[in-house]
PDB file of all heavy atoms in Angstrom:
ATOM      1  N   GLU A   1     -15.599  18.113  -3.102  1.00  0.00           N
ATOM      2  CA  GLU A   1     -16.621  18.583  -2.165  1.00  0.00           C
ATOM      3  C   GLU A   1     -16.207  18.308  -0.722  1.00  0.00           C
ATOM      4  O   GLU A   1     -16.417  19.152   0.169  1.00  0.00           O
ATOM      5  CB  GLU A   1     -17.958  17.904  -2.469  1.00  0.00           C
ATOM      6  CG  GLU A   1     -18.588  18.341  -3.787  1.00  0.00           C
ATOM      7  CD  GLU A   1     -18.870  19.832  -3.827  1.00  0.00           C
ATOM      8  OE1 GLU A   1     -19.303  20.389  -2.788  1.00  0.00           O
ATOM      9  OE2 GLU A   1     -18.640  20.448  -4.883  1.00  0.00           O
ATOM     10  N   ASP A   2     -15.625  17.139  -0.477  1.00  0.00           N
ATOM     11  CA  ASP A   2     -15.153  16.810   0.876  1.00  0.00           C
ATOM     12  C   ASP A   2     -14.060  17.777   1.323  1.00  0.00           C
ATOM     13  O   ASP A   2     -14.038  18.231   2.481  1.00  0.00           O
ATOM     14  CB  ASP A   2     -14.620  15.376   0.925  1.00  0.00           C
ATOM     15  CG  ASP A   2     -15.721  14.347   0.705  1.00  0.00           C
ATOM     16  OD1 ASP A   2     -16.900  14.709   0.835  1.00  0.00           O
ATOM     17  OD2 ASP A   2     -15.383  13.179   0.385  1.00  0.00           O
ATOM     18  N   LYS A   3     -13.164  18.099   0.405  1.00  0.00           N
ATOM     19  CA  LYS A   3     -12.066  19.007   0.746  1.00  0.00           C
ATOM     20  C   LYS A   3     -12.594  20.428   0.979  1.00  0.00           C
ATOM     21  O   LYS A   3     -12.103  21.151   1.866  1.00  0.00           O
ATOM     22  CB  LYS A   3     -11.032  18.994  -0.370  1.00  0.00           C
ATOM     23  CG  LYS A   3      -9.718  19.672  -0.036  1.00  0.00           C
ATOM     24  CD  LYS A   3      -9.033  19.050   1.154  1.00  0.00           C
ATOM     25  CE  LYS A   3      -8.574  17.640   0.913  1.00  0.00           C
ATOM     26  NZ  LYS A   3      -7.779  17.100   2.067  1.00  0.00           N
ATOM     27  N   LYS A   4     -13.607  20.842   0.223  1.00  0.00           N
ATOM     28  CA  LYS A   4     -14.214  22.166   0.433  1.00  0.00           C
ATOM     29  C   LYS A   4     -14.892  22.243   1.797  1.00  0.00           C
ATOM     30  O   LYS A   4     -14.825  23.266   2.486  1.00  0.00           O
ATOM     31  CB  LYS A   4     -15.225  22.445  -0.685  1.00  0.00           C
ATOM     32  CG  LYS A   4     -14.584  22.777  -2.010  1.00  0.00           C
ATOM     33  CD  LYS A   4     -15.585  22.735  -3.146  1.00  0.00           C
ATOM     34  CE  LYS A   4     -16.629  23.815  -3.017  1.00  0.00           C
ATOM     35  NZ  LYS A   4     -17.566  23.807  -4.178  1.00  0.00           N
ATOM     36  N   ALA A   5     -15.534  21.155   2.210  1.00  0.00           N
ATOM     37  CA  ALA A   5     -16.141  21.124   3.548  1.00  0.00           C
ATOM     38  C   ALA A   5     -15.071  21.222   4.624  1.00  0.00           C
ATOM     39  O   ALA A   5     -15.255  21.904   5.650  1.00  0.00           O
ATOM     40  CB  ALA A   5     -16.950  19.839   3.714  1.00  0.00           C
ATOM     41  N   GLU A   6     -13.941  20.556   4.387  1.00  0.00           N
ATOM     42  CA  GLU A   6     -12.823  20.633   5.338  1.00  0.00           C
ATOM     43  C   GLU A   6     -12.282  22.060   5.424  1.00  0.00           C
ATOM     44  O   GLU A   6     -11.957  22.547   6.516  1.00  0.00           O
ATOM     45  CB  GLU A   6     -11.724  19.666   4.896  1.00  0.00           C
ATOM     46  CG  GLU A   6     -10.522  19.648   5.806  1.00  0.00           C
ATOM     47  CD  GLU A   6      -9.414  18.743   5.298  1.00  0.00           C
ATOM     48  OE1 GLU A   6      -9.719  17.831   4.503  1.00  0.00           O
ATOM     49  OE2 GLU A   6      -8.245  18.953   5.685  1.00  0.00           O
ATOM     50  N   ILE A   7     -12.196  22.739   4.278  1.00  0.00           N
ATOM     51  CA  ILE A   7     -11.710  24.129   4.265  1.00  0.00           C
ATOM     52  C   ILE A   7     -12.655  25.027   5.050  1.00  0.00           C
ATOM     53  O   ILE A   7     -12.218  25.893   5.824  1.00  0.00           O
ATOM     54  CB  ILE A   7     -11.573  24.619   2.813  1.00  0.00           C
ATOM     55  CG1 ILE A   7     -10.430  23.889   2.109  1.00  0.00           C
ATOM     56  CG2 ILE A   7     -11.320  26.121   2.773  1.00  0.00           C
ATOM     57  CD1 ILE A   7     -10.351  24.151   0.621  1.00  0.00           C
ATOM     58  N   ASP A   8     -13.964  24.832   4.873  1.00  0.00           N
ATOM     59  CA  ASP A   8     -14.949  25.634   5.598  1.00  0.00           C
ATOM     60  C   ASP A   8     -14.802  25.435   7.105  1.00  0.00           C
ATOM     61  O   ASP A   8     -14.881  26.399   7.896  1.00  0.00           O
ATOM     62  CB  ASP A   8     -16.367  25.267   5.155  1.00  0.00           C
ATOM     63  CG  ASP A   8     -16.659  25.715   3.729  1.00  0.00           C
ATOM     64  OD1 ASP A   8     -15.947  26.609   3.232  1.00  0.00           O
ATOM     65  OD2 ASP A   8     -17.594  25.160   3.105  1.00  0.00           O
ATOM     66  N   THR A   9     -14.583  24.191   7.518  1.00  0.00           N
ATOM     67  CA  THR A   9     -14.424  23.891   8.956  1.00  0.00           C
ATOM     68  C   THR A   9     -13.162  24.551   9.506  1.00  0.00           C
ATOM     69  O   THR A   9     -13.176  25.168  10.593  1.00  0.00           O
ATOM     70  CB  THR A   9     -14.363  22.373   9.170  1.00  0.00           C
ATOM     71  OG1 THR A   9     -15.548  21.768   8.646  1.00  0.00           O
ATOM     72  CG2 THR A   9     -14.233  22.043  10.643  1.00  0.00           C
ATOM     73  N   LEU A  10     -12.048  24.423   8.771  1.00  0.00           N
ATOM     74  CA  LEU A  10     -10.790  25.029   9.210  1.00  0.00           C
ATOM     75  C   LEU A  10     -10.893  26.551   9.285  1.00  0.00           C
ATOM     76  O   LEU A  10     -10.383  27.180  10.222  1.00  0.00           O
ATOM     77  CB  LEU A  10      -9.662  24.635   8.262  1.00  0.00           C
ATOM     78  CG  LEU A  10      -9.201  23.168   8.313  1.00  0.00           C
ATOM     79  CD1 LEU A  10      -8.228  22.877   7.185  1.00  0.00           C
ATOM     80  CD2 LEU A  10      -8.545  22.874   9.661  1.00  0.00           C
ATOM     81  N   ALA A  11     -11.575  27.140   8.303  1.00  0.00           N
ATOM     82  CA  ALA A  11     -11.734  28.596   8.291  1.00  0.00           C
ATOM     83  C   ALA A  11     -12.583  29.062   9.476  1.00  0.00           C
ATOM     84  O   ALA A  11     -12.273  30.083  10.127  1.00  0.00           O
ATOM     85  CB  ALA A  11     -12.375  29.038   6.980  1.00  0.00           C
ATOM     86  N   ALA A  12     -13.663  28.305   9.760  1.00  0.00           N
ATOM     87  CA  ALA A  12     -14.516  28.670  10.897  1.00  0.00           C
ATOM     88  C   ALA A  12     -13.744  28.556  12.211  1.00  0.00           C
ATOM     89  O   ALA A  12     -13.871  29.420  13.110  1.00  0.00           O
ATOM     90  CB  ALA A  12     -15.751  27.769  10.920  1.00  0.00           C
ATOM     91  N   GLU A  13     -12.945  27.507  12.357  1.00  0.00           N
ATOM     92  CA  GLU A  13     -12.132  27.341  13.574  1.00  0.00           C
ATOM     93  C   GLU A  13     -11.123  28.474  13.719  1.00  0.00           C
ATOM     94  O   GLU A  13     -10.888  28.972  14.831  1.00  0.00           O
ATOM     95  CB  GLU A  13     -11.413  25.994  13.531  1.00  0.00           C
ATOM     96  CG  GLU A  13     -12.329  24.783  13.675  1.00  0.00           C
ATOM     97  CD  GLU A  13     -11.577  23.485  13.522  1.00  0.00           C
ATOM     98  OE1 GLU A  13     -10.346  23.538  13.238  1.00  0.00           O
ATOM     99  OE2 GLU A  13     -12.197  22.415  13.659  1.00  0.00           O
ATOM    100  N   TYR A  14     -10.525  28.867  12.596  1.00  0.00           N
ATOM    101  CA  TYR A  14      -9.525  29.931  12.637  1.00  0.00           C
ATOM    102  C   TYR A  14     -10.161  31.254  13.069  1.00  0.00           C
ATOM    103  O   TYR A  14      -9.615  31.974  13.917  1.00  0.00           O
ATOM    104  CB  TYR A  14      -8.871  30.076  11.269  1.00  0.00           C
ATOM    105  CG  TYR A  14      -7.801  31.137  11.217  1.00  0.00           C
ATOM    106  CD1 TYR A  14      -6.517  30.873  11.695  1.00  0.00           C
ATOM    107  CD2 TYR A  14      -8.075  32.403  10.701  1.00  0.00           C
ATOM    108  CE1 TYR A  14      -5.537  31.847  11.658  1.00  0.00           C
ATOM    109  CE2 TYR A  14      -7.095  33.382  10.659  1.00  0.00           C
ATOM    110  CZ  TYR A  14      -5.834  33.102  11.133  1.00  0.00           C
ATOM    111  OH  TYR A  14      -4.851  34.083  11.103  1.00  0.00           O
ATOM    112  N   ILE A  15     -11.307  31.585  12.475  1.00  0.00           N
ATOM    113  CA  ILE A  15     -11.975  32.846  12.808  1.00  0.00           C
ATOM    114  C   ILE A  15     -12.416  32.858  14.272  1.00  0.00           C
ATOM    115  O   ILE A  15     -12.331  33.887  14.960  1.00  0.00           O
ATOM    116  CB  ILE A  15     -13.191  33.057  11.873  1.00  0.00           C
ATOM    117  CG1 ILE A  15     -12.707  33.272  10.441  1.00  0.00           C
ATOM    118  CG2 ILE A  15     -14.032  34.247  12.334  1.00  0.00           C
ATOM    119  CD1 ILE A  15     -13.827  33.312   9.421  1.00  0.00           C
ATOM    120  N   GLU A  16     -12.857  31.709  14.767  1.00  0.00           N
ATOM    121  CA  GLU A  16     -13.368  31.631  16.139  1.00  0.00           C
ATOM    122  C   GLU A  16     -12.270  31.775  17.193  1.00  0.00           C
ATOM    123  O   GLU A  16     -12.469  32.392  18.233  1.00  0.00           O
ATOM    124  CB  GLU A  16     -14.104  30.299  16.328  1.00  0.00           C
ATOM    125  CG  GLU A  16     -14.761  30.139  17.683  1.00  0.00           C
ATOM    126  CD  GLU A  16     -15.487  28.823  17.812  1.00  0.00           C
ATOM    127  OE1 GLU A  16     -15.638  28.124  16.784  1.00  0.00           O
ATOM    128  OE2 GLU A  16     -15.910  28.478  18.934  1.00  0.00           O
ATOM    129  N   SER A  17     -11.105  31.204  16.915  1.00  0.00           N
ATOM    130  CA  SER A  17     -10.061  31.182  17.942  1.00  0.00           C
ATOM    131  C   SER A  17      -8.788  31.918  17.551  1.00  0.00           C
ATOM    132  O   SER A  17      -7.749  31.734  18.188  1.00  0.00           O
ATOM    133  CB  SER A  17      -9.733  29.728  18.301  1.00  0.00           C
ATOM    134  OG  SER A  17      -9.541  28.955  17.151  1.00  0.00           O
ATOM    135  N   VAL A  18      -8.836  32.770  16.508  1.00  0.00           N
ATOM    136  CA  VAL A  18      -7.619  33.454  16.072  1.00  0.00           C
ATOM    137  C   VAL A  18      -7.090  34.416  17.146  1.00  0.00           C
ATOM    138  O   VAL A  18      -5.875  34.617  17.285  1.00  0.00           O
ATOM    139  CB  VAL A  18      -7.875  34.216  14.759  1.00  0.00           C
ATOM    140  CG1 VAL A  18      -8.919  35.299  14.934  1.00  0.00           C
ATOM    141  CG2 VAL A  18      -6.563  34.789  14.203  1.00  0.00           C
ATOM    142  N   LYS A  19      -8.006  35.002  17.921  1.00  0.00           N
ATOM    143  CA  LYS A  19      -7.570  35.970  18.942  1.00  0.00           C
ATOM    144  C   LYS A  19      -6.767  35.298  20.048  1.00  0.00           C
ATOM    145  O   LYS A  19      -5.907  35.936  20.664  1.00  0.00           O
ATOM    146  CB  LYS A  19      -8.792  36.661  19.550  1.00  0.00           C
ATOM    147  CG  LYS A  19      -9.539  37.541  18.558  1.00  0.00           C
ATOM    148  CD  LYS A  19     -10.721  38.206  19.230  1.00  0.00           C
ATOM    149  CE  LYS A  19     -11.468  39.109  18.255  1.00  0.00           C
ATOM    150  NZ  LYS A  19     -12.654  39.756  18.880  1.00  0.00           N
ATOM    151  N   ASN A  20      -7.032  34.039  20.316  1.00  0.00           N
ATOM    152  CA  ASN A  20      -6.344  33.329  21.396  1.00  0.00           C
ATOM    153  C   ASN A  20      -5.150  32.506  20.904  1.00  0.00           C
ATOM    154  O   ASN A  20      -4.515  31.819  21.701  1.00  0.00           O
ATOM    155  CB  ASN A  20      -7.329  32.396  22.107  1.00  0.00           C
ATOM    156  CG  ASN A  20      -8.510  33.158  22.686  1.00  0.00           C
ATOM    157  OD1 ASN A  20      -8.355  34.287  23.171  1.00  0.00           O
ATOM    158  ND2 ASN A  20      -9.700  32.541  22.641  1.00  0.00           N
ATOM    159  N   MET A  21      -4.868  32.554  19.638  1.00  0.00           N
ATOM    160  CA  MET A  21      -3.768  31.762  19.082  1.00  0.00           C
ATOM    161  C   MET A  21      -2.443  32.497  19.168  1.00  0.00           C
ATOM    162  O   MET A  21      -2.389  33.733  19.061  1.00  0.00           O
ATOM    163  CB  MET A  21      -4.037  31.435  17.605  1.00  0.00           C
ATOM    164  CG  MET A  21      -5.089  30.387  17.374  1.00  0.00           C
ATOM    165  SD  MET A  21      -5.231  30.031  15.588  1.00  0.00           S
ATOM    166  CE  MET A  21      -6.480  28.758  15.603  1.00  0.00           C
ATOM    167  N   LEU A  22      -1.401  31.710  19.327  1.00  0.00           N
ATOM    168  CA  LEU A  22      -0.056  32.263  19.239  1.00  0.00           C
ATOM    169  C   LEU A  22       0.296  32.458  17.765  1.00  0.00           C
ATOM    170  O   LEU A  22      -0.297  31.829  16.881  1.00  0.00           O
ATOM    171  CB  LEU A  22       0.938  31.306  19.893  1.00  0.00           C
ATOM    172  CG  LEU A  22       0.765  31.075  21.411  1.00  0.00           C
ATOM    173  CD1 LEU A  22       1.717  29.993  21.886  1.00  0.00           C
ATOM    174  CD2 LEU A  22       1.007  32.376  22.176  1.00  0.00           C
ATOM    175  N   PRO A  23       1.263  33.308  17.456  1.00  0.00           N
ATOM    176  CA  PRO A  23       1.645  33.524  16.049  1.00  0.00           C
ATOM    177  C   PRO A  23       1.997  32.226  15.322  1.00  0.00           C
ATOM    178  O   PRO A  23       1.639  32.032  14.154  1.00  0.00           O
ATOM    179  CB  PRO A  23       2.858  34.452  16.153  1.00  0.00           C
ATOM    180  CG  PRO A  23       2.638  35.192  17.429  1.00  0.00           C
ATOM    181  CD  PRO A  23       1.986  34.209  18.364  1.00  0.00           C
ATOM    182  N   GLU A  24       2.694  31.314  16.057  1.00  0.00           N
ATOM    183  CA  GLU A  24       3.071  30.059  15.414  1.00  0.00           C
ATOM    184  C   GLU A  24       1.842  29.207  15.081  1.00  0.00           C
ATOM    185  O   GLU A  24       1.770  28.541  14.053  1.00  0.00           O
ATOM    186  CB  GLU A  24       4.022  29.261  16.322  1.00  0.00           C
ATOM    187  CG  GLU A  24       5.378  29.916  16.561  1.00  0.00           C
ATOM    188  CD  GLU A  24       5.312  30.986  17.656  1.00  0.00           C
ATOM    189  OE1 GLU A  24       4.214  31.172  18.252  1.00  0.00           O
ATOM    190  OE2 GLU A  24       6.334  31.642  17.905  1.00  0.00           O
ATOM    191  N   GLU A  25       0.863  29.236  16.007  1.00  0.00           N
ATOM    192  CA  GLU A  25      -0.355  28.462  15.793  1.00  0.00           C
ATOM    193  C   GLU A  25      -1.165  29.023  14.618  1.00  0.00           C
ATOM    194  O   GLU A  25      -1.766  28.268  13.846  1.00  0.00           O
ATOM    195  CB  GLU A  25      -1.209  28.470  17.058  1.00  0.00           C
ATOM    196  CG  GLU A  25      -0.581  27.716  18.222  1.00  0.00           C
ATOM    197  CD  GLU A  25      -1.403  27.816  19.485  1.00  0.00           C
ATOM    198  OE1 GLU A  25      -2.193  28.782  19.619  1.00  0.00           O
ATOM    199  OE2 GLU A  25      -1.271  26.919  20.347  1.00  0.00           O
ATOM    200  N   ARG A  26      -1.176  30.349  14.488  1.00  0.00           N
ATOM    201  CA  ARG A  26      -1.881  30.971  13.364  1.00  0.00           C
ATOM    202  C   ARG A  26      -1.254  30.541  12.043  1.00  0.00           C
ATOM    203  O   ARG A  26      -1.979  30.173  11.084  1.00  0.00           O
ATOM    204  CB  ARG A  26      -1.826  32.494  13.469  1.00  0.00           C
ATOM    205  CG  ARG A  26      -2.600  33.066  14.642  1.00  0.00           C
ATOM    206  CD  ARG A  26      -2.463  34.571  14.668  1.00  0.00           C
ATOM    207  NE  ARG A  26      -3.133  35.159  15.833  1.00  0.00           N
ATOM    208  CZ  ARG A  26      -3.126  36.456  16.115  1.00  0.00           C
ATOM    209  NH1 ARG A  26      -2.468  37.316  15.330  1.00  0.00           N
ATOM    210  NH2 ARG A  26      -3.772  36.903  17.191  1.00  0.00           N
ATOM    211  N   VAL A  27       0.077  30.567  11.993  1.00  0.00           N
ATOM    212  CA  VAL A  27       0.773  30.170  10.773  1.00  0.00           C
ATOM    213  C   VAL A  27       0.486  28.709  10.437  1.00  0.00           C
ATOM    214  O   VAL A  27       0.214  28.347   9.283  1.00  0.00           O
ATOM    215  CB  VAL A  27       2.288  30.403  10.913  1.00  0.00           C
ATOM    216  CG1 VAL A  27       3.035  29.810   9.720  1.00  0.00           C
ATOM    217  CG2 VAL A  27       2.607  31.886  11.043  1.00  0.00           C
ATOM    218  N   GLU A  28       0.517  27.868  11.477  1.00  0.00           N
ATOM    219  CA  GLU A  28       0.265  26.450  11.260  1.00  0.00           C
ATOM    220  C   GLU A  28      -1.160  26.206  10.756  1.00  0.00           C
ATOM    221  O   GLU A  28      -1.387  25.400   9.839  1.00  0.00           O
ATOM    222  CB  GLU A  28       0.488  25.694  12.577  1.00  0.00           C
ATOM    223  CG  GLU A  28       0.416  24.181  12.441  1.00  0.00           C
ATOM    224  CD  GLU A  28       1.561  23.613  11.617  1.00  0.00           C
ATOM    225  OE1 GLU A  28       2.637  24.256  11.539  1.00  0.00           O
ATOM    226  OE2 GLU A  28       1.373  22.526  11.019  1.00  0.00           O
ATOM    227  N   HIS A  29      -2.119  26.922  11.308  1.00  0.00           N
ATOM    228  CA  HIS A  29      -3.513  26.755  10.894  1.00  0.00           C
ATOM    229  C   HIS A  29      -3.723  27.249   9.457  1.00  0.00           C
ATOM    230  O   HIS A  29      -4.437  26.617   8.666  1.00  0.00           O
ATOM    231  CB  HIS A  29      -4.429  27.520  11.854  1.00  0.00           C
ATOM    232  CG  HIS A  29      -5.822  26.988  11.895  1.00  0.00           C
ATOM    233  ND1 HIS A  29      -6.232  26.008  12.774  1.00  0.00           N
ATOM    234  CD2 HIS A  29      -6.907  27.271  11.130  1.00  0.00           C
ATOM    235  CE1 HIS A  29      -7.506  25.727  12.557  1.00  0.00           C
ATOM    236  NE2 HIS A  29      -7.931  26.490  11.564  1.00  0.00           N
ATOM    237  N   LEU A  30      -3.106  28.371   9.138  1.00  0.00           N
ATOM    238  CA  LEU A  30      -3.222  28.902   7.774  1.00  0.00           C
ATOM    239  C   LEU A  30      -2.573  27.970   6.753  1.00  0.00           C
ATOM    240  O   LEU A  30      -3.045  27.850   5.622  1.00  0.00           O
ATOM    241  CB  LEU A  30      -2.586  30.294   7.707  1.00  0.00           C
ATOM    242  CG  LEU A  30      -3.354  31.422   8.417  1.00  0.00           C
ATOM    243  CD1 LEU A  30      -2.546  32.717   8.411  1.00  0.00           C
ATOM    244  CD2 LEU A  30      -4.703  31.646   7.731  1.00  0.00           C
ATOM    245  N   LYS A  31      -1.499  27.307   7.165  1.00  0.00           N
ATOM    246  CA  LYS A  31      -0.855  26.348   6.275  1.00  0.00           C
ATOM    247  C   LYS A  31      -1.780  25.167   5.977  1.00  0.00           C
ATOM    248  O   LYS A  31      -1.817  24.651   4.851  1.00  0.00           O
ATOM    249  CB  LYS A  31       0.456  25.845   6.894  1.00  0.00           C
ATOM    250  CG  LYS A  31       1.605  26.826   6.786  1.00  0.00           C
ATOM    251  CD  LYS A  31       2.888  26.228   7.348  1.00  0.00           C
ATOM    252  CE  LYS A  31       4.052  27.196   7.204  1.00  0.00           C
ATOM    253  NZ  LYS A  31       5.321  26.618   7.744  1.00  0.00           N
ATOM    254  N   LYS A  32      -2.547  24.736   7.015  1.00  0.00           N
ATOM    255  CA  LYS A  32      -3.507  23.654   6.799  1.00  0.00           C
ATOM    256  C   LYS A  32      -4.574  24.064   5.785  1.00  0.00           C
ATOM    257  O   LYS A  32      -4.942  23.293   4.901  1.00  0.00           O
ATOM    258  CB  LYS A  32      -4.165  23.272   8.126  1.00  0.00           C
ATOM    259  CG  LYS A  32      -3.255  22.536   9.094  1.00  0.00           C
ATOM    260  CD  LYS A  32      -4.021  22.166  10.357  1.00  0.00           C
ATOM    261  CE  LYS A  32      -3.118  21.428  11.342  1.00  0.00           C
ATOM    262  NZ  LYS A  32      -3.857  21.080  12.600  1.00  0.00           N
ATOM    263  N   ILE A  33      -5.053  25.314   5.941  1.00  0.00           N
ATOM    264  CA  ILE A  33      -6.065  25.808   4.999  1.00  0.00           C
ATOM    265  C   ILE A  33      -5.490  25.905   3.587  1.00  0.00           C
ATOM    266  O   ILE A  33      -6.125  25.510   2.606  1.00  0.00           O
ATOM    267  CB  ILE A  33      -6.608  27.172   5.458  1.00  0.00           C
ATOM    268  CG1 ILE A  33      -7.339  27.033   6.793  1.00  0.00           C
ATOM    269  CG2 ILE A  33      -7.544  27.768   4.402  1.00  0.00           C
ATOM    270  CD1 ILE A  33      -7.818  28.340   7.376  1.00  0.00           C
ATOM    271  N   GLN A  34      -4.260  26.411   3.494  1.00  0.00           N
ATOM    272  CA  GLN A  34      -3.618  26.534   2.190  1.00  0.00           C
ATOM    273  C   GLN A  34      -3.390  25.166   1.550  1.00  0.00           C
ATOM    274  O   GLN A  34      -3.592  24.985   0.334  1.00  0.00           O
ATOM    275  CB  GLN A  34      -2.294  27.274   2.334  1.00  0.00           C
ATOM    276  CG  GLN A  34      -1.600  27.547   1.003  1.00  0.00           C
ATOM    277  CD  GLN A  34      -0.311  28.340   1.183  1.00  0.00           C
ATOM    278  OE1 GLN A  34       0.126  28.593   2.317  1.00  0.00           O
ATOM    279  NE2 GLN A  34       0.297  28.732   0.093  1.00  0.00           N
ATOM    280  N   SER A  35      -2.983  24.186   2.363  1.00  0.00           N
ATOM    281  CA  SER A  35      -2.764  22.835   1.852  1.00  0.00           C
ATOM    282  C   SER A  35      -4.072  22.224   1.345  1.00  0.00           C
ATOM    283  O   SER A  35      -4.098  21.550   0.303  1.00  0.00           O
ATOM    284  CB  SER A  35      -2.168  21.962   2.961  1.00  0.00           C
ATOM    285  OG  SER A  35      -2.033  20.629   2.525  1.00  0.00           O
ATOM    286  N   ALA A  36      -5.172  22.488   2.068  1.00  0.00           N
ATOM    287  CA  ALA A  36      -6.465  21.972   1.640  1.00  0.00           C
ATOM    288  C   ALA A  36      -6.893  22.620   0.326  1.00  0.00           C
ATOM    289  O   ALA A  36      -7.446  21.947  -0.561  1.00  0.00           O
ATOM    290  CB  ALA A  36      -7.515  22.221   2.729  1.00  0.00           C
ATOM    291  N   TYR A  37      -6.646  23.921   0.186  1.00  0.00           N
ATOM    292  CA  TYR A  37      -6.960  24.607  -1.077  1.00  0.00           C
ATOM    293  C   TYR A  37      -6.136  24.029  -2.228  1.00  0.00           C
ATOM    294  O   TYR A  37      -6.642  23.837  -3.347  1.00  0.00           O
ATOM    295  CB  TYR A  37      -6.688  26.105  -0.944  1.00  0.00           C
ATOM    296  CG  TYR A  37      -7.891  26.916  -0.533  1.00  0.00           C
ATOM    297  CD1 TYR A  37      -7.896  27.619   0.673  1.00  0.00           C
ATOM    298  CD2 TYR A  37      -9.021  26.989  -1.351  1.00  0.00           C
ATOM    299  CE1 TYR A  37      -9.004  28.366   1.062  1.00  0.00           C
ATOM    300  CE2 TYR A  37     -10.122  27.739  -0.966  1.00  0.00           C
ATOM    301  CZ  TYR A  37     -10.117  28.420   0.231  1.00  0.00           C
ATOM    302  OH  TYR A  37     -11.214  29.143   0.601  1.00  0.00           O
ATOM    303  N   SER A  38      -4.865  23.763  -1.982  1.00  0.00           N
ATOM    304  CA  SER A  38      -3.997  23.202  -3.030  1.00  0.00           C
ATOM    305  C   SER A  38      -4.488  21.828  -3.464  1.00  0.00           C
ATOM    306  O   SER A  38      -4.501  21.500  -4.663  1.00  0.00           O
ATOM    307  CB  SER A  38      -2.559  23.097  -2.517  1.00  0.00           C
ATOM    308  OG  SER A  38      -2.036  24.369  -2.187  1.00  0.00           O
ATOM    309  N   LYS A  39      -4.917  21.020  -2.478  1.00  0.00           N
ATOM    310  CA  LYS A  39      -5.433  19.693  -2.805  1.00  0.00           C
ATOM    311  C   LYS A  39      -6.725  19.799  -3.586  1.00  0.00           C
ATOM    312  O   LYS A  39      -6.962  19.039  -4.551  1.00  0.00           O
ATOM    313  CB  LYS A  39      -5.671  18.911  -1.507  1.00  0.00           C
ATOM    314  CG  LYS A  39      -5.651  17.405  -1.692  1.00  0.00           C
ATOM    315  CD  LYS A  39      -4.258  16.929  -2.073  1.00  0.00           C
ATOM    316  CE  LYS A  39      -4.217  15.420  -2.239  1.00  0.00           C
ATOM    317  NZ  LYS A  39      -2.887  14.959  -2.696  1.00  0.00           N
ATOM    318  N   CYS A  40      -7.569  20.755  -3.221  1.00  0.00           N
ATOM    319  CA  CYS A  40      -8.835  20.966  -3.930  1.00  0.00           C
ATOM    320  C   CYS A  40      -8.576  21.368  -5.383  1.00  0.00           C
ATOM    321  O   CYS A  40      -9.243  20.882  -6.299  1.00  0.00           O
ATOM    322  CB  CYS A  40      -9.643  22.040  -3.201  1.00  0.00           C
ATOM    323  SG  CYS A  40     -11.340  22.203  -3.769  1.00  0.00           S
ATOM    324  N   LYS A  41      -7.596  22.252  -5.589  1.00  0.00           N
ATOM    325  CA  LYS A  41      -7.232  22.671  -6.945  1.00  0.00           C
ATOM    326  C   LYS A  41      -6.662  21.496  -7.740  1.00  0.00           C
ATOM    327  O   LYS A  41      -6.937  21.344  -8.943  1.00  0.00           O
ATOM    328  CB  LYS A  41      -6.217  23.804  -6.893  1.00  0.00           C
ATOM    329  CG  LYS A  41      -5.822  24.343  -8.261  1.00  0.00           C
ATOM    330  CD  LYS A  41      -4.836  25.483  -8.123  1.00  0.00           C
ATOM    331  CE  LYS A  41      -4.463  26.039  -9.498  1.00  0.00           C
ATOM    332  NZ  LYS A  41      -3.847  25.037 -10.368  1.00  0.00           N
TER     333      LYS A  41
END
């Protein structure tokens, strides 16, 4: 449940600031979300 809450927060941050992110920052943020999903699984 804690990890799912973390995923929700990361996803909300990504959607809010994706337009202002550099390509590298987008990749890094998506990797964090993917890592959180892997840990949740």
